[in-house]
C-alpha atoms as a PDB file:
ATOM      1  CA  MET A   1     -50.856 -26.594 -35.105  1.00  0.00           C
ATOM      2  CA  ALA A   2     -52.483 -29.857 -33.969  1.00  0.00           C
ATOM      3  CA  LYS A   3     -54.719 -29.931 -30.930  1.00  0.00           C
ATOM      4  CA  THR A   4     -53.534 -32.012 -27.988  1.00  0.00           C
ATOM      5  CA  SER A   5     -55.566 -33.316 -25.108  1.00  0.00           C
ATOM      6  CA  ASN A   6     -55.075 -31.888 -21.621  1.00  0.00           C
ATOM      7  CA  LEU A   7     -53.548 -35.200 -20.570  1.00  0.00           C
ATOM      8  CA  GLU A   8     -50.911 -35.051 -23.285  1.00  0.00           C
ATOM      9  CA  THR A   9     -50.269 -31.351 -22.584  1.00  0.00           C
ATOM     10  CA  ARG A  10     -49.565 -32.068 -18.940  1.00  0.00           C
ATOM     11  CA  ARG A  11     -47.566 -35.260 -19.475  1.00  0.00           C
ATOM     12  CA  PRO A  12     -46.412 -36.109 -22.993  1.00  0.00           C
ATOM     13  CA  GLY A  13     -46.935 -39.792 -23.725  1.00  0.00           C
ATOM     14  CA  ALA A  14     -49.382 -40.294 -20.851  1.00  0.00           C
ATOM     15  CA  ALA A  15     -52.025 -41.728 -23.179  1.00  0.00           C
ATOM     16  CA  ALA A  16     -49.525 -44.225 -24.566  1.00  0.00           C
ATOM     17  CA  GLN A  17     -48.502 -45.149 -21.035  1.00  0.00           C
ATOM     18  CA  GLY A  18     -52.139 -45.848 -20.208  1.00  0.00           C
ATOM     19  CA  VAL A  19     -52.390 -48.242 -23.148  1.00  0.00           C
ATOM     20  CA  GLU A  20     -49.148 -49.923 -22.094  1.00  0.00           C
ATOM     21  CA  ALA A  21     -50.495 -50.267 -18.553  1.00  0.00           C
ATOM     22  CA  ASP A  22     -53.658 -51.896 -19.897  1.00  0.00           C
ATOM     23  CA  LEU A  23     -51.598 -54.349 -21.965  1.00  0.00           C
ATOM     24  CA  THR A  24     -49.385 -55.096 -18.971  1.00  0.00           C
ATOM     25  CA  LEU A  25     -52.473 -55.904 -16.903  1.00  0.00           C
ATOM     26  CA  LEU A  26     -53.583 -58.405 -19.535  1.00  0.00           C
ATOM     27  CA  ASN A  27     -50.212 -60.153 -19.345  1.00  0.00           C
ATOM     28  CA  LEU A  28     -50.135 -60.536 -15.552  1.00  0.00           C
ATOM     29  CA  ASP A  29     -50.399 -63.978 -14.059  1.00  0.00           C
ATOM     30  CA  ARG A  30     -53.602 -64.789 -12.180  1.00  0.00           C
ATOM     31  CA  ALA A  31     -51.560 -64.798  -8.973  1.00  0.00           C
ATOM     32  CA  GLN A  32     -50.433 -61.203  -9.545  1.00  0.00           C
ATOM     33  CA  ARG A  33     -53.825 -59.655 -10.348  1.00  0.00           C
ATOM     34  CA  PRO A  34     -55.130 -59.448  -6.735  1.00  0.00           C
ATOM     35  CA  SER A  35     -52.058 -57.457  -5.681  1.00  0.00           C
ATOM     36  CA  LEU A  36     -52.689 -55.027  -8.528  1.00  0.00           C
ATOM     37  CA  THR A  37     -56.327 -54.838  -7.433  1.00  0.00           C
ATOM     38  CA  LEU A  38     -55.154 -54.003  -3.917  1.00  0.00           C
ATOM     39  CA  PHE A  39     -52.942 -51.249  -5.316  1.00  0.00           C
ATOM     40  CA  HIS A  40     -55.882 -49.771  -7.241  1.00  0.00           C
ATOM     41  CA  ASP A  41     -58.119 -50.021  -4.143  1.00  0.00           C
ATOM     42  CA  VAL A  42     -55.583 -48.135  -2.034  1.00  0.00           C
ATOM     43  CA  GLU A  43     -55.076 -45.578  -4.819  1.00  0.00           C
ATOM     44  CA  SER A  44     -58.824 -44.976  -5.149  1.00  0.00           C
ATOM     45  CA  LEU A  45     -59.138 -44.556  -1.377  1.00  0.00           C
ATOM     46  CA  ALA A  46     -56.470 -41.877  -1.485  1.00  0.00           C
ATOM     47  CA  LYS A  47     -58.150 -40.120  -4.407  1.00  0.00           C
ATOM     48  CA  SER A  48     -61.569 -40.091  -2.778  1.00  0.00           C
ATOM     49  CA  GLN A  49     -60.005 -39.072   0.554  1.00  0.00           C
ATOM     50  CA  LEU A  50     -61.885 -41.721   2.519  1.00  0.00           C
ATOM     51  CA  SER A  51     -60.570 -42.367   5.979  1.00  0.00           C
ATOM     52  CA  LEU A  52     -59.825 -45.870   7.184  1.00  0.00           C
ATOM     53  CA  VAL A  53     -62.021 -45.146  10.205  1.00  0.00           C
ATOM     54  CA  SER A  54     -65.140 -45.203   8.016  1.00  0.00           C
ATOM     55  CA  SER A  55     -64.039 -48.461   6.357  1.00  0.00           C
ATOM     56  CA  LYS A  56     -65.398 -51.770   7.637  1.00  0.00           C
ATOM     57  CA  LEU A  57     -61.956 -53.373   7.366  1.00  0.00           C
ATOM     58  CA  THR A  58     -58.668 -51.899   8.470  1.00  0.00           C
ATOM     59  CA  LEU A  59     -55.874 -51.689   5.955  1.00  0.00           C
ATOM     60  CA  ARG A  60     -54.042 -54.464   7.818  1.00  0.00           C
ATOM     61  CA  GLU A  61     -57.102 -56.768   7.533  1.00  0.00           C
ATOM     62  CA  LYS A  62     -57.552 -56.000   3.852  1.00  0.00           C
ATOM     63  CA  VAL A  63     -53.871 -56.668   3.090  1.00  0.00           C
ATOM     64  CA  ARG A  64     -54.124 -59.964   5.048  1.00  0.00           C
ATOM     65  CA  ASP A  65     -57.185 -60.997   3.003  1.00  0.00           C
ATOM     66  CA  TYR A  66     -55.384 -60.230  -0.276  1.00  0.00           C
ATOM     67  CA  GLU A  67     -52.291 -62.103   0.867  1.00  0.00           C
ATOM     68  CA  ILE A  68     -54.429 -65.169   1.641  1.00  0.00           C
ATOM     69  CA  GLU A  69     -56.124 -64.881  -1.756  1.00  0.00           C
ATOM     70  CA  LEU A  70     -52.786 -64.603  -3.586  1.00  0.00           C
ATOM     71  CA  ILE A  71     -51.364 -67.642  -1.817  1.00  0.00           C
ATOM     72  CA  ARG A  72     -54.504 -69.725  -2.434  1.00  0.00           C
ATOM     73  CA  ILE A  73     -54.513 -68.846  -6.153  1.00  0.00           C
ATOM     74  CA  ALA A  74     -50.822 -69.705  -6.489  1.00  0.00           C
ATOM     75  CA  LEU A  75     -51.300 -73.021  -4.668  1.00  0.00           C
ATOM     76  CA  ASP A  76     -54.306 -73.857  -6.855  1.00  0.00           C
ATOM     77  CA  GLN A  77     -52.311 -73.138 -10.035  1.00  0.00           C
ATOM     78  CA  VAL A  78     -49.556 -75.572  -9.038  1.00  0.00           C
ATOM     79  CA  GLU A  79     -51.785 -78.161  -7.364  1.00  0.00           C
ATOM     80  CA  GLY A  80     -50.387 -77.480  -3.892  1.00  0.00           C
ATOM     81  CA  ASN A  81     -46.680 -77.560  -4.746  1.00  0.00           C
ATOM     82  CA  GLN A  82     -45.301 -74.976  -2.307  1.00  0.00           C
ATOM     83  CA  ARG A  83     -41.948 -74.697  -4.064  1.00  0.00           C
ATOM     84  CA  LEU A  84     -43.617 -73.746  -7.350  1.00  0.00           C
ATOM     85  CA  ALA A  85     -46.144 -71.493  -5.595  1.00  0.00           C
ATOM     86  CA  ALA A  86     -43.263 -69.661  -3.915  1.00  0.00           C
ATOM     87  CA  GLN A  87     -41.656 -69.134  -7.330  1.00  0.00           C
ATOM     88  CA  LEU A  88     -44.928 -67.754  -8.720  1.00  0.00           C
ATOM     89  CA  LEU A  89     -45.198 -65.339  -5.810  1.00  0.00           C
ATOM     90  CA  ARG A  90     -41.482 -64.504  -5.955  1.00  0.00           C
ATOM     91  CA  LEU A  91     -40.985 -65.604  -2.349  1.00  0.00           C
ATOM     92  CA  LYS A  92     -38.526 -67.930  -0.676  1.00  0.00           C
ATOM     93  CA  GLU A  93     -40.108 -71.313  -0.024  1.00  0.00           C
ATOM     94  CA  SER A  94     -39.519 -70.912   3.725  1.00  0.00           C
ATOM     95  CA  THR A  95     -41.283 -67.513   3.696  1.00  0.00           C
ATOM     96  CA  LEU A  96     -44.305 -68.987   1.923  1.00  0.00           C
ATOM     97  CA  SER A  97     -44.414 -71.911   4.344  1.00  0.00           C
ATOM     98  CA  ARG A  98     -44.303 -69.511   7.315  1.00  0.00           C
ATOM     99  CA  LYS A  99     -47.103 -67.379   5.822  1.00  0.00           C
ATOM    100  CA  ILE A 100     -49.268 -70.450   5.178  1.00  0.00           C
ATOM    101  CA  LYS A 101     -48.914 -71.482   8.823  1.00  0.00           C
ATOM    102  CA  ARG A 102     -49.378 -67.941  10.220  1.00  0.00           C
ATOM    103  CA  LEU A 103     -52.440 -67.226   8.074  1.00  0.00           C
ATOM    104  CA  GLY A 104     -53.932 -70.691   8.631  1.00  0.00           C
ATOM    105  CA  ILE A 105     -54.237 -71.489   4.931  1.00  0.00           C
ATOM    106  CA  PRO A 106     -55.264 -75.113   4.341  1.00  0.00           C
ATOM    107  CA  VAL A 107     -53.082 -77.033   1.873  1.00  0.00           C
ATOM    108  CA  ASN A 108     -55.244 -80.103   1.227  1.00  0.00           C
ATOM    109  CA  PHE A 109     -54.128 -81.198  -2.224  1.00  0.00           C
ATOM    110  CA  SER A 110     -53.929 -84.794  -3.431  1.00  0.00           C
END
C-alpha cells in the first residue's frame, strides 16, 4: 500500500489543486494580481487571528488602497482609455468613471 501525505489523506487531489492554483496565478493579468494579494492578506489575517484593532489600517482603508492600485494599473495598461480599463476590471464604464472621481484618481494621459 502506497504512503500518502496528510494533505492527500484529508482532501484527495489537494496537492494537484495547489499546483493548479499556482499556474492560475501565473496566468492572471497584472490588473488582477492586487485583488488576489488582498484575498491572501485577508486570509492570512484570519489564520493568524489578528484583530483589525491592532492593524494600522482598517479593512475599509486597505480595500480602498487596493481598489486605487487596481484602477491605476488598468489605466496604465491601456494608456488611460477608461472604456478598455473598465473591460479589464470587468466593470461598467460608468462604474469605473464614478470610482475614479470618488477615489480622486488622476487620469493624466496624453
